[in-house]
Amino acid sequence: MPNEGGAVRPIWEPGPRLKGLGRSMLDLLLPPMTHAGEAAASTGMGADAFARVVFLESPVCDGCGAGLEFDGGAFAESRCAACLARPYRFARARAACVYDEASRDAILKLKHADHQAYAPLFARWIARAAAELIEEADAVVPVPLHRLRLLSRRANQAAEIARPLAKLSAREYLPDALVRARRTDSQGGKSARGRRLNVRKAFEVTPSGAMRVRGRRILLIDDVLTTGATAEACADALLTAGARAVDLAVVARVRTARTLPM
């Protein structure tokens, strides 16, 4: 109906609680946008930077999250050649985007520059990309840092992402179930074999953690998937402790596929 000024007034307008619920649902589906067109303005990621991020959409490999060339339909193989030849210890993986020049800056700002505002943004990206994995998960576990590295960085980037993700998805958050029992060298610059050897037996499930992961499907969270060596070592520790299955979700994965075993 028109008001006194002649403007049409809606018969019914949603209240603030309903509007808030609508905004929350939209934030789960898409990264939040400001009226100026900036993605997650609090992080400093502008519209141009956001537009350059290569988000991974279906079809993707069920085993490693890499983008597949084409969708072959319901009866097509859902795994890439490398995952068929040598499956990871984790059951399935999803990544929100490709790790490249566009995504690297934001990820490194969270990892090394303590830009915590990126954590909830990345959690929303993962919530969208790994929705089917989250639906089947019983609990969320971050890839841990060694306590000495945690002191130097001030925060574990995987934990900072996993915490809001668990809250968004109403899943139990287990930050202390998995620990890095020994300090390891940086994985940077190492070959795939070198990475596996570097993190071999580096992770352990705590006694209290074992009681909370036993018989449950765990969603492991990390920032970047490269060769999968770290995630495999974590999955191995969780499975040894009695987890029913372990899936992996990351913010980004490198574009290059794994080398097939010789």
Protein backbone atom coordinates (compact mmCIF):
# COMPACT_ATOMS: atom_id res chain seq x y z
CA MET A 1 0.00 0.00 0.00
CA PRO A 2 1.20 3.60 -0.67
CA ASN A 3 2.22 5.66 2.32
CA GLU A 4 1.60 9.39 2.78
CA GLY A 5 4.50 10.27 0.49
CA GLY A 6 3.11 8.12 -2.32
CA ALA A 7 5.77 5.36 -2.05
CA VAL A 8 4.61 1.77 -2.08
CA ARG A 9 5.00 0.11 1.32
CA PRO A 10 5.34 -3.70 1.42
CA ILE A 11 2.48 -5.56 3.07
CA TRP A 12 4.97 -7.71 5.03
CA GLU A 13 8.62 -7.10 5.80
CA PRO A 14 10.91 -9.71 7.45
CA GLY A 15 12.09 -8.93 10.94
CA PRO A 16 15.76 -8.48 11.94
CA ARG A 17 16.15 -12.10 13.11
CA LEU A 18 14.89 -13.47 9.80
CA LYS A 19 17.09 -11.05 7.86
CA GLY A 20 20.08 -12.16 9.92
CA LEU A 21 19.33 -15.81 9.16
CA GLY A 22 19.15 -15.01 5.47
CA ARG A 23 22.50 -13.25 5.55
CA SER A 24 24.06 -16.20 7.38
CA MET A 25 22.79 -18.64 4.77
CA LEU A 26 24.17 -16.47 1.95
CA ASP A 27 27.53 -16.25 3.72
CA LEU A 28 27.69 -20.03 3.82
CA LEU A 29 27.11 -20.25 0.07
CA LEU A 30 29.24 -17.33 -1.10
CA PRO A 31 32.04 -15.22 0.43
CA PRO A 32 30.49 -12.10 1.96
CA MET A 33 30.46 -9.03 -0.30
CA THR A 34 30.25 -5.40 0.79
CA HIS A 35 28.17 -2.80 -1.01
CA ALA A 36 31.40 -1.59 -2.65
CA GLY A 37 31.94 -4.99 -4.22
CA GLU A 38 34.79 -6.02 -1.95
CA ALA A 39 35.05 -9.61 -0.76
CA ALA A 40 35.45 -9.82 2.98
CA ALA A 41 36.43 -6.19 3.39
CA SER A 42 37.83 -6.78 6.87
CA THR A 43 40.58 -8.94 5.36
CA GLY A 44 41.62 -6.36 2.82
CA MET A 45 40.83 -8.64 -0.12
CA GLY A 46 39.29 -6.38 -2.73
CA ALA A 47 37.06 -7.27 -5.64
CA ASP A 48 39.96 -7.53 -8.09
CA ALA A 49 41.89 -9.94 -5.85
CA PHE A 50 38.80 -12.01 -5.19
CA ALA A 51 37.99 -12.21 -8.92
CA ARG A 52 41.40 -13.75 -9.61
CA VAL A 53 40.92 -16.64 -7.16
CA VAL A 54 40.32 -19.89 -9.09
CA PHE A 55 37.65 -21.73 -7.12
CA LEU A 56 37.41 -25.46 -7.73
CA GLU A 57 34.00 -26.52 -8.97
CA SER A 58 32.59 -29.95 -9.83
CA PRO A 59 33.78 -32.23 -11.27
CA VAL A 60 36.72 -32.82 -8.94
CA CYS A 61 38.65 -35.94 -8.01
CA ASP A 62 37.05 -37.55 -4.96
CA GLY A 63 40.45 -38.65 -3.68
CA CYS A 64 42.56 -35.50 -3.89
CA GLY A 65 40.17 -32.67 -4.79
CA ALA A 66 41.91 -31.80 -8.07
CA GLY A 67 39.75 -30.50 -10.88
CA LEU A 68 38.85 -33.10 -13.50
CA GLU A 69 38.87 -32.26 -17.20
CA PHE A 70 35.24 -33.18 -17.77
CA ASP A 71 32.21 -34.70 -16.09
CA GLY A 72 31.65 -38.16 -17.53
CA GLY A 73 28.28 -38.65 -15.89
CA ALA A 74 26.99 -40.79 -13.04
CA PHE A 75 28.89 -43.91 -14.05
CA ALA A 76 32.25 -42.25 -14.78
CA GLU A 77 35.26 -42.80 -12.54
CA SER A 78 35.35 -40.09 -9.88
CA ARG A 79 39.09 -40.33 -9.17
CA CYS A 80 42.11 -39.17 -11.10
CA ALA A 81 44.68 -41.64 -12.43
CA ALA A 82 47.13 -40.92 -9.59
CA CYS A 83 44.52 -41.61 -6.89
CA LEU A 84 43.45 -44.82 -8.62
CA ALA A 85 47.06 -45.98 -8.78
CA ARG A 86 47.95 -44.99 -5.22
CA PRO A 87 45.08 -43.91 -2.96
CA TYR A 88 45.87 -41.60 -0.08
CA ARG A 89 45.46 -42.73 3.52
CA PHE A 90 42.64 -40.20 3.88
CA ALA A 91 39.46 -41.34 2.18
CA ARG A 92 38.43 -38.18 0.31
CA ALA A 93 39.62 -34.61 -0.15
CA ARG A 94 38.22 -31.25 -1.17
CA ALA A 95 39.88 -27.89 -1.76
CA ALA A 96 38.15 -24.54 -2.07
CA CYS A 97 40.52 -23.11 -4.68
CA VAL A 98 43.75 -23.50 -6.61
CA TYR A 99 46.95 -22.46 -4.86
CA ASP A 100 48.46 -19.86 -7.16
CA GLU A 101 49.47 -16.19 -7.25
CA ALA A 102 45.89 -15.10 -6.54
CA SER A 103 45.28 -17.20 -3.41
CA ARG A 104 48.84 -17.46 -2.05
CA ASP A 105 49.05 -13.92 -0.67
CA ALA A 106 45.94 -14.28 1.49
CA ILE A 107 46.96 -17.73 2.76
CA LEU A 108 50.47 -16.57 3.66
CA LYS A 109 49.07 -13.51 5.44
CA LEU A 110 47.12 -15.80 7.74
CA LYS A 111 50.00 -18.26 8.10
CA HIS A 112 52.89 -15.89 8.74
CA ALA A 113 51.53 -12.37 9.27
CA ASP A 114 48.81 -13.13 11.83
CA HIS A 115 45.97 -11.74 9.67
CA GLN A 116 43.28 -13.60 11.60
CA ALA A 117 40.42 -12.04 9.65
CA TYR A 118 41.14 -14.47 6.82
CA ALA A 119 40.32 -17.51 8.99
CA PRO A 120 36.51 -17.19 9.01
CA LEU A 121 36.57 -16.29 5.31
CA PHE A 122 38.51 -19.46 4.50
CA ALA A 123 36.16 -21.45 6.75
CA ARG A 124 33.22 -20.30 4.62
CA TRP A 125 35.08 -21.21 1.43
CA ILE A 126 35.70 -24.73 2.78
CA ALA A 127 32.11 -25.03 4.01
CA ARG A 128 30.99 -24.57 0.42
CA ALA A 129 33.62 -26.75 -1.27
CA ALA A 130 33.48 -29.63 1.23
CA ALA A 131 29.77 -29.58 2.05
CA GLU A 132 29.28 -33.30 1.39
CA LEU A 133 32.30 -34.23 3.52
CA ILE A 134 31.13 -31.99 6.36
CA GLU A 135 27.67 -33.56 6.25
CA GLU A 136 29.16 -37.00 6.96
CA ALA A 137 31.78 -35.85 9.48
CA ASP A 138 31.44 -36.45 13.20
CA ALA A 139 34.22 -34.10 14.29
CA VAL A 140 36.70 -31.56 12.93
CA VAL A 141 40.45 -31.84 13.64
CA PRO A 142 43.11 -29.32 12.54
CA VAL A 143 46.59 -30.34 11.37
CA PRO A 144 48.70 -29.40 14.43
CA LEU A 145 51.90 -27.36 14.70
CA HIS A 146 54.79 -28.31 16.94
CA ARG A 147 54.69 -26.27 20.14
CA LEU A 148 57.96 -24.45 19.31
CA ARG A 149 56.70 -23.42 15.87
CA LEU A 150 53.40 -22.39 17.43
CA LEU A 151 55.29 -20.02 19.74
CA SER A 152 57.04 -18.38 16.80
CA ARG A 153 53.86 -18.04 14.69
CA ARG A 154 51.53 -17.20 17.59
CA ALA A 155 48.69 -19.21 16.01
CA ASN A 156 48.08 -22.42 14.10
CA GLN A 157 46.48 -21.40 10.81
CA ALA A 158 44.75 -24.78 10.41
CA ALA A 159 43.18 -24.45 13.87
CA GLU A 160 42.10 -20.87 13.19
CA ILE A 161 40.21 -22.11 10.10
CA ALA A 162 38.88 -25.31 11.69
CA ARG A 163 37.34 -23.56 14.71
CA PRO A 164 34.85 -21.35 12.83
CA LEU A 165 34.21 -24.15 10.34
CA ALA A 166 33.17 -26.50 13.15
CA LYS A 167 30.91 -23.80 14.55
CA LEU A 168 29.33 -23.09 11.15
CA SER A 169 28.69 -26.78 10.52
CA ALA A 170 27.68 -27.71 14.08
CA ARG A 171 30.38 -30.37 14.32
CA GLU A 172 32.51 -31.17 17.35
CA TYR A 173 35.85 -29.38 17.31
CA LEU A 174 38.82 -31.40 18.58
CA PRO A 175 41.83 -29.05 18.65
CA ASP A 176 43.94 -31.20 20.98
CA ALA A 177 43.16 -34.70 19.74
CA LEU A 178 46.12 -34.74 17.34
CA VAL A 179 49.58 -33.40 18.22
CA ARG A 180 52.87 -33.04 16.38
CA ALA A 181 55.07 -35.19 18.57
CA ARG A 182 58.38 -34.12 17.04
CA ARG A 183 59.57 -30.98 15.34
CA THR A 184 60.03 -31.37 11.59
CA ASP A 185 61.81 -29.32 8.95
CA SER A 186 59.80 -27.15 6.61
CA GLN A 187 58.26 -29.12 3.76
CA GLY A 188 59.16 -26.38 1.29
CA GLY A 189 61.68 -27.40 -1.35
CA LYS A 190 61.47 -31.12 -0.60
CA SER A 191 60.54 -33.83 -3.09
CA ALA A 192 57.39 -35.90 -2.55
CA ARG A 193 59.49 -38.68 -1.01
CA GLY A 194 61.41 -36.19 1.11
CA ARG A 195 58.15 -34.74 2.41
CA ARG A 196 56.86 -38.19 3.37
CA LEU A 197 60.07 -39.04 5.22
CA ASN A 198 60.10 -35.64 6.94
CA VAL A 199 56.69 -36.14 8.59
CA ARG A 200 56.82 -39.91 9.06
CA LYS A 201 55.66 -40.75 12.61
CA ALA A 202 55.57 -37.02 13.41
CA PHE A 203 51.95 -37.02 14.59
CA GLU A 204 50.27 -38.75 17.52
CA VAL A 205 46.75 -38.92 18.90
CA THR A 206 46.59 -38.05 22.59
CA PRO A 207 45.02 -40.55 25.03
CA SER A 208 42.02 -38.28 25.53
CA GLY A 209 41.86 -37.68 21.79
CA ALA A 210 41.80 -41.42 21.10
CA MET A 211 38.59 -41.74 23.09
CA ARG A 212 36.98 -38.95 21.06
CA VAL A 213 38.01 -40.12 17.57
CA ARG A 214 37.46 -43.86 17.98
CA GLY A 215 34.75 -45.14 15.65
CA ARG A 216 34.09 -41.68 14.19
CA ARG A 217 34.53 -40.06 10.80
CA ILE A 218 37.01 -37.20 11.14
CA LEU A 219 37.34 -34.15 8.90
CA LEU A 220 40.99 -33.04 8.89
CA ILE A 221 41.62 -29.35 8.11
CA ASP A 222 44.73 -27.71 6.66
CA ASP A 223 45.54 -24.62 4.62
CA VAL A 224 47.26 -26.07 1.53
CA LEU A 225 47.49 -29.52 -0.08
CA THR A 226 50.71 -30.07 -2.02
CA THR A 227 51.84 -33.71 -2.13
CA GLY A 228 49.53 -34.80 0.67
CA ALA A 229 52.39 -36.09 2.84
CA THR A 230 51.42 -34.14 5.97
CA ALA A 231 47.73 -34.99 5.67
CA GLU A 232 48.57 -38.66 5.11
CA ALA A 233 50.74 -38.76 8.23
CA CYS A 234 47.91 -37.18 10.23
CA ALA A 235 45.33 -39.56 8.76
CA ASP A 236 47.55 -42.53 9.56
CA ALA A 237 47.78 -41.47 13.22
CA LEU A 238 44.01 -40.95 13.46
CA LEU A 239 43.20 -44.27 11.80
CA THR A 240 45.69 -46.10 14.02
CA ALA A 241 43.93 -44.56 17.02
CA GLY A 242 40.63 -46.05 15.85
CA ALA A 243 39.00 -43.40 13.67
CA ARG A 244 36.48 -44.99 11.30
CA ALA A 245 37.62 -42.80 8.39
CA VAL A 246 39.45 -39.53 7.75
CA ASP A 247 38.55 -36.97 5.08
CA LEU A 248 40.57 -33.87 4.24
CA ALA A 249 39.47 -30.30 3.47
CA VAL A 250 41.86 -27.47 2.64
CA VAL A 251 41.67 -23.88 1.51
CA ALA A 252 43.79 -24.49 -1.59
CA ARG A 253 45.65 -27.21 -3.46
CA VAL A 254 48.50 -26.98 -5.93
CA ARG A 255 47.46 -27.34 -9.53
CA THR A 256 50.07 -29.94 -10.49
CA ALA A 257 48.83 -33.50 -10.18
CA ARG A 258 50.78 -36.14 -8.28
CA THR A 259 53.38 -38.13 -10.13
CA LEU A 260 52.24 -41.67 -10.73
CA PRO A 261 54.31 -44.30 -8.86
CA MET A 262 56.98 -46.02 -10.93
